[in-house]
Amino acid sequence: MTNQFTSRLKDLIEESGKMQKDICSDLQISKQKLSKWKTGYNEPSMDELIMLALYFDVTSDYLLGLEDETGARANSQNP
């Protein structure tokens, strides 16, 4: 099962129009690390999550599935 993070990361990579090797070079991470994040095998650390959010110009809450692309809370049942 794909979680929100892996789904959104894949979408952001695709929407960026950049090759994965270029993203890895920009972020100074290995291709294996990015691949493991995309498949859900591993998750990024807090610092890596922030790095991804800044790189793709989204919030960490968006990456985690806590808000949608407009910034609204994804689950309106939570206060």
N, C-alpha and C. Protein backbone atom coordinates (compact mmCIF):
# COMPACT_ATOMS: atom_id res chain seq x y z
N MET A 1 0.84 -1.18 0.00
CA MET A 1 0.00 0.00 0.00
C MET A 1 0.89 1.25 0.00
N THR A 2 0.52 2.20 -0.83
CA THR A 2 1.29 3.43 -0.93
C THR A 2 0.75 4.45 0.06
N ASN A 3 1.63 5.01 0.88
CA ASN A 3 1.18 6.04 1.81
C ASN A 3 1.23 7.41 1.13
N GLN A 4 0.71 8.41 1.81
CA GLN A 4 0.65 9.76 1.25
C GLN A 4 2.03 10.30 0.89
N PHE A 5 3.02 10.05 1.75
CA PHE A 5 4.36 10.58 1.47
C PHE A 5 4.91 10.03 0.16
N THR A 6 4.88 8.72 -0.01
CA THR A 6 5.46 8.14 -1.24
C THR A 6 4.70 8.61 -2.47
N SER A 7 3.40 8.67 -2.37
CA SER A 7 2.58 9.12 -3.49
C SER A 7 2.89 10.57 -3.86
N ARG A 8 2.97 11.41 -2.87
CA ARG A 8 3.22 12.83 -3.13
C ARG A 8 4.65 13.06 -3.60
N LEU A 9 5.60 12.32 -3.06
CA LEU A 9 6.98 12.46 -3.52
C LEU A 9 7.09 12.08 -4.99
N LYS A 10 6.48 10.98 -5.37
CA LYS A 10 6.50 10.56 -6.78
C LYS A 10 5.89 11.64 -7.67
N ASP A 11 4.75 12.20 -7.24
CA ASP A 11 4.09 13.25 -8.02
C ASP A 11 4.98 14.49 -8.15
N LEU A 12 5.61 14.89 -7.06
CA LEU A 12 6.47 16.07 -7.10
C LEU A 12 7.67 15.87 -8.01
N ILE A 13 8.24 14.68 -7.98
CA ILE A 13 9.38 14.38 -8.86
C ILE A 13 8.94 14.47 -10.31
N GLU A 14 7.80 13.86 -10.61
CA GLU A 14 7.29 13.88 -11.98
C GLU A 14 6.96 15.31 -12.43
N GLU A 15 6.28 16.07 -11.56
CA GLU A 15 5.89 17.43 -11.89
C GLU A 15 7.09 18.36 -12.05
N SER A 16 8.19 18.03 -11.40
CA SER A 16 9.38 18.90 -11.48
C SER A 16 9.99 18.89 -12.88
N GLY A 17 9.76 17.79 -13.61
CA GLY A 17 10.35 17.67 -14.94
C GLY A 17 11.83 17.37 -14.92
N LYS A 18 12.37 17.14 -13.74
CA LYS A 18 13.80 16.85 -13.60
C LYS A 18 14.03 15.35 -13.56
N MET A 19 15.20 14.97 -13.98
CA MET A 19 15.59 13.56 -13.87
C MET A 19 15.97 13.29 -12.42
N GLN A 20 15.71 12.06 -11.97
CA GLN A 20 16.00 11.71 -10.59
C GLN A 20 17.46 11.91 -10.24
N LYS A 21 18.35 11.62 -11.19
CA LYS A 21 19.77 11.78 -10.90
C LYS A 21 20.12 13.25 -10.65
N ASP A 22 19.40 14.16 -11.31
CA ASP A 22 19.62 15.59 -11.09
C ASP A 22 19.09 16.03 -9.73
N ILE A 23 17.94 15.50 -9.36
CA ILE A 23 17.39 15.81 -8.04
C ILE A 23 18.34 15.32 -6.95
N CYS A 24 18.84 14.11 -7.12
CA CYS A 24 19.79 13.55 -6.15
C CYS A 24 21.05 14.41 -6.06
N SER A 25 21.52 14.86 -7.19
CA SER A 25 22.70 15.72 -7.21
C SER A 25 22.41 17.05 -6.50
N ASP A 26 21.25 17.63 -6.80
CA ASP A 26 20.88 18.90 -6.17
C ASP A 26 20.79 18.75 -4.66
N LEU A 27 20.22 17.64 -4.20
CA LEU A 27 20.00 17.42 -2.77
C LEU A 27 21.20 16.75 -2.08
N GLN A 28 22.17 16.35 -2.88
CA GLN A 28 23.36 15.65 -2.37
C GLN A 28 22.97 14.39 -1.60
N ILE A 29 22.10 13.60 -2.23
CA ILE A 29 21.71 12.29 -1.68
C ILE A 29 21.96 11.24 -2.75
N SER A 30 22.02 9.99 -2.32
CA SER A 30 22.24 8.91 -3.27
C SER A 30 20.94 8.56 -4.01
N LYS A 31 21.09 7.97 -5.18
CA LYS A 31 19.93 7.51 -5.94
C LYS A 31 19.19 6.42 -5.16
N GLN A 32 19.94 5.63 -4.42
CA GLN A 32 19.33 4.56 -3.62
C GLN A 32 18.42 5.14 -2.54
N LYS A 33 18.87 6.22 -1.92
CA LYS A 33 18.07 6.84 -0.86
C LYS A 33 16.74 7.35 -1.42
N LEU A 34 16.80 8.05 -2.53
CA LEU A 34 15.58 8.55 -3.15
C LEU A 34 14.67 7.40 -3.56
N SER A 35 15.25 6.37 -4.11
CA SER A 35 14.47 5.20 -4.52
C SER A 35 13.77 4.55 -3.33
N LYS A 36 14.46 4.44 -2.21
CA LYS A 36 13.86 3.84 -1.02
C LYS A 36 12.74 4.70 -0.46
N TRP A 37 12.88 6.02 -0.56
CA TRP A 37 11.79 6.90 -0.13
C TRP A 37 10.59 6.73 -1.05
N LYS A 38 10.84 6.65 -2.35
CA LYS A 38 9.74 6.53 -3.31
C LYS A 38 8.97 5.22 -3.17
N THR A 39 9.66 4.17 -2.78
CA THR A 39 9.00 2.87 -2.64
C THR A 39 8.43 2.64 -1.24
N GLY A 40 8.76 3.53 -0.32
CA GLY A 40 8.29 3.37 1.05
C GLY A 40 9.13 2.42 1.87
N TYR A 41 10.26 1.99 1.31
CA TYR A 41 11.15 1.08 2.04
C TYR A 41 11.77 1.79 3.24
N ASN A 42 12.12 3.05 3.07
CA ASN A 42 12.65 3.89 4.14
C ASN A 42 11.90 5.21 4.13
N GLU A 43 11.96 5.93 5.23
CA GLU A 43 11.38 7.25 5.32
C GLU A 43 12.48 8.26 5.63
N PRO A 44 12.29 9.49 5.17
CA PRO A 44 13.32 10.50 5.45
C PRO A 44 13.32 10.91 6.92
N SER A 45 14.47 11.35 7.38
CA SER A 45 14.57 11.92 8.73
C SER A 45 13.87 13.27 8.73
N MET A 46 13.75 13.86 9.89
CA MET A 46 13.12 15.18 10.01
C MET A 46 13.87 16.20 9.15
N ASP A 47 15.19 16.20 9.23
CA ASP A 47 15.99 17.14 8.44
C ASP A 47 15.81 16.89 6.94
N GLU A 48 15.74 15.62 6.55
CA GLU A 48 15.57 15.29 5.13
C GLU A 48 14.17 15.68 4.65
N LEU A 49 13.18 15.54 5.50
CA LEU A 49 11.81 15.95 5.15
C LEU A 49 11.76 17.46 4.90
N ILE A 50 12.41 18.21 5.76
CA ILE A 50 12.48 19.66 5.58
C ILE A 50 13.20 20.00 4.28
N MET A 51 14.29 19.31 4.01
CA MET A 51 15.05 19.52 2.78
C MET A 51 14.17 19.29 1.55
N LEU A 52 13.39 18.20 1.56
CA LEU A 52 12.49 17.90 0.45
C LEU A 52 11.41 18.96 0.30
N ALA A 53 10.84 19.40 1.41
CA ALA A 53 9.80 20.42 1.38
C ALA A 53 10.34 21.72 0.77
N LEU A 54 11.52 22.13 1.19
CA LEU A 54 12.12 23.34 0.65
C LEU A 54 12.46 23.18 -0.83
N TYR A 55 12.98 22.03 -1.19
CA TYR A 55 13.38 21.78 -2.58
C TYR A 55 12.17 21.84 -3.52
N PHE A 56 11.08 21.19 -3.12
CA PHE A 56 9.90 21.14 -3.98
C PHE A 56 8.91 22.28 -3.71
N ASP A 57 9.27 23.18 -2.79
CA ASP A 57 8.46 24.35 -2.46
C ASP A 57 7.05 23.95 -2.02
N VAL A 58 7.00 23.00 -1.10
CA VAL A 58 5.76 22.56 -0.47
C VAL A 58 6.00 22.52 1.04
N THR A 59 4.94 22.32 1.80
CA THR A 59 5.12 22.20 3.25
C THR A 59 5.40 20.75 3.62
N SER A 60 6.01 20.58 4.76
CA SER A 60 6.22 19.21 5.25
C SER A 60 4.87 18.56 5.54
N ASP A 61 3.89 19.35 5.99
CA ASP A 61 2.55 18.80 6.22
C ASP A 61 1.95 18.26 4.93
N TYR A 62 2.19 18.94 3.82
CA TYR A 62 1.70 18.43 2.54
C TYR A 62 2.36 17.09 2.22
N LEU A 63 3.68 17.03 2.37
CA LEU A 63 4.39 15.78 2.09
C LEU A 63 3.89 14.62 2.95
N LEU A 64 3.52 14.93 4.18
CA LEU A 64 3.07 13.90 5.11
C LEU A 64 1.58 13.57 4.95
N GLY A 65 0.89 14.31 4.09
CA GLY A 65 -0.53 14.05 3.88
C GLY A 65 -1.43 14.71 4.90
N LEU A 66 -0.91 15.67 5.65
CA LEU A 66 -1.70 16.36 6.67
C LEU A 66 -2.48 17.54 6.12
N GLU A 67 -2.08 18.01 4.94
CA GLU A 67 -2.83 19.07 4.29
C GLU A 67 -2.83 18.83 2.79
N ASP A 68 -3.79 19.45 2.11
CA ASP A 68 -3.85 19.30 0.67
C ASP A 68 -3.02 20.39 0.00
N GLU A 69 -3.07 20.43 -1.32
CA GLU A 69 -2.23 21.38 -2.05
C GLU A 69 -2.61 22.84 -1.81
N THR A 70 -3.81 23.08 -1.26
CA THR A 70 -4.22 24.46 -0.96
C THR A 70 -3.79 24.89 0.44
N GLY A 71 -3.31 23.95 1.24
CA GLY A 71 -2.92 24.25 2.61
C GLY A 71 -3.99 23.93 3.62
N ALA A 72 -5.14 23.45 3.13
CA ALA A 72 -6.22 23.08 4.05
C ALA A 72 -5.91 21.74 4.70
N ARG A 73 -6.35 21.58 5.92
CA ARG A 73 -6.15 20.31 6.62
C ARG A 73 -6.78 19.19 5.82
N ALA A 74 -6.07 18.10 5.65
CA ALA A 74 -6.56 16.99 4.87
C ALA A 74 -7.67 16.24 5.59
N ASN A 75 -7.63 16.22 6.90
CA ASN A 75 -8.63 15.51 7.69
C ASN A 75 -9.38 16.53 8.52
N SER A 76 -10.57 16.93 8.07
CA SER A 76 -11.30 17.99 8.75
C SER A 76 -11.87 17.58 10.09
N GLN A 77 -11.75 16.31 10.45
CA GLN A 77 -12.24 15.85 11.75
C GLN A 77 -11.31 16.25 12.89
N ASN A 78 -10.06 16.53 12.57
CA ASN A 78 -9.10 16.97 13.60
C ASN A 78 -9.24 18.46 13.80
N PRO A 79 -9.17 18.93 15.04
CA PRO A 79 -9.28 20.38 15.30
C PRO A 79 -8.07 21.13 14.80
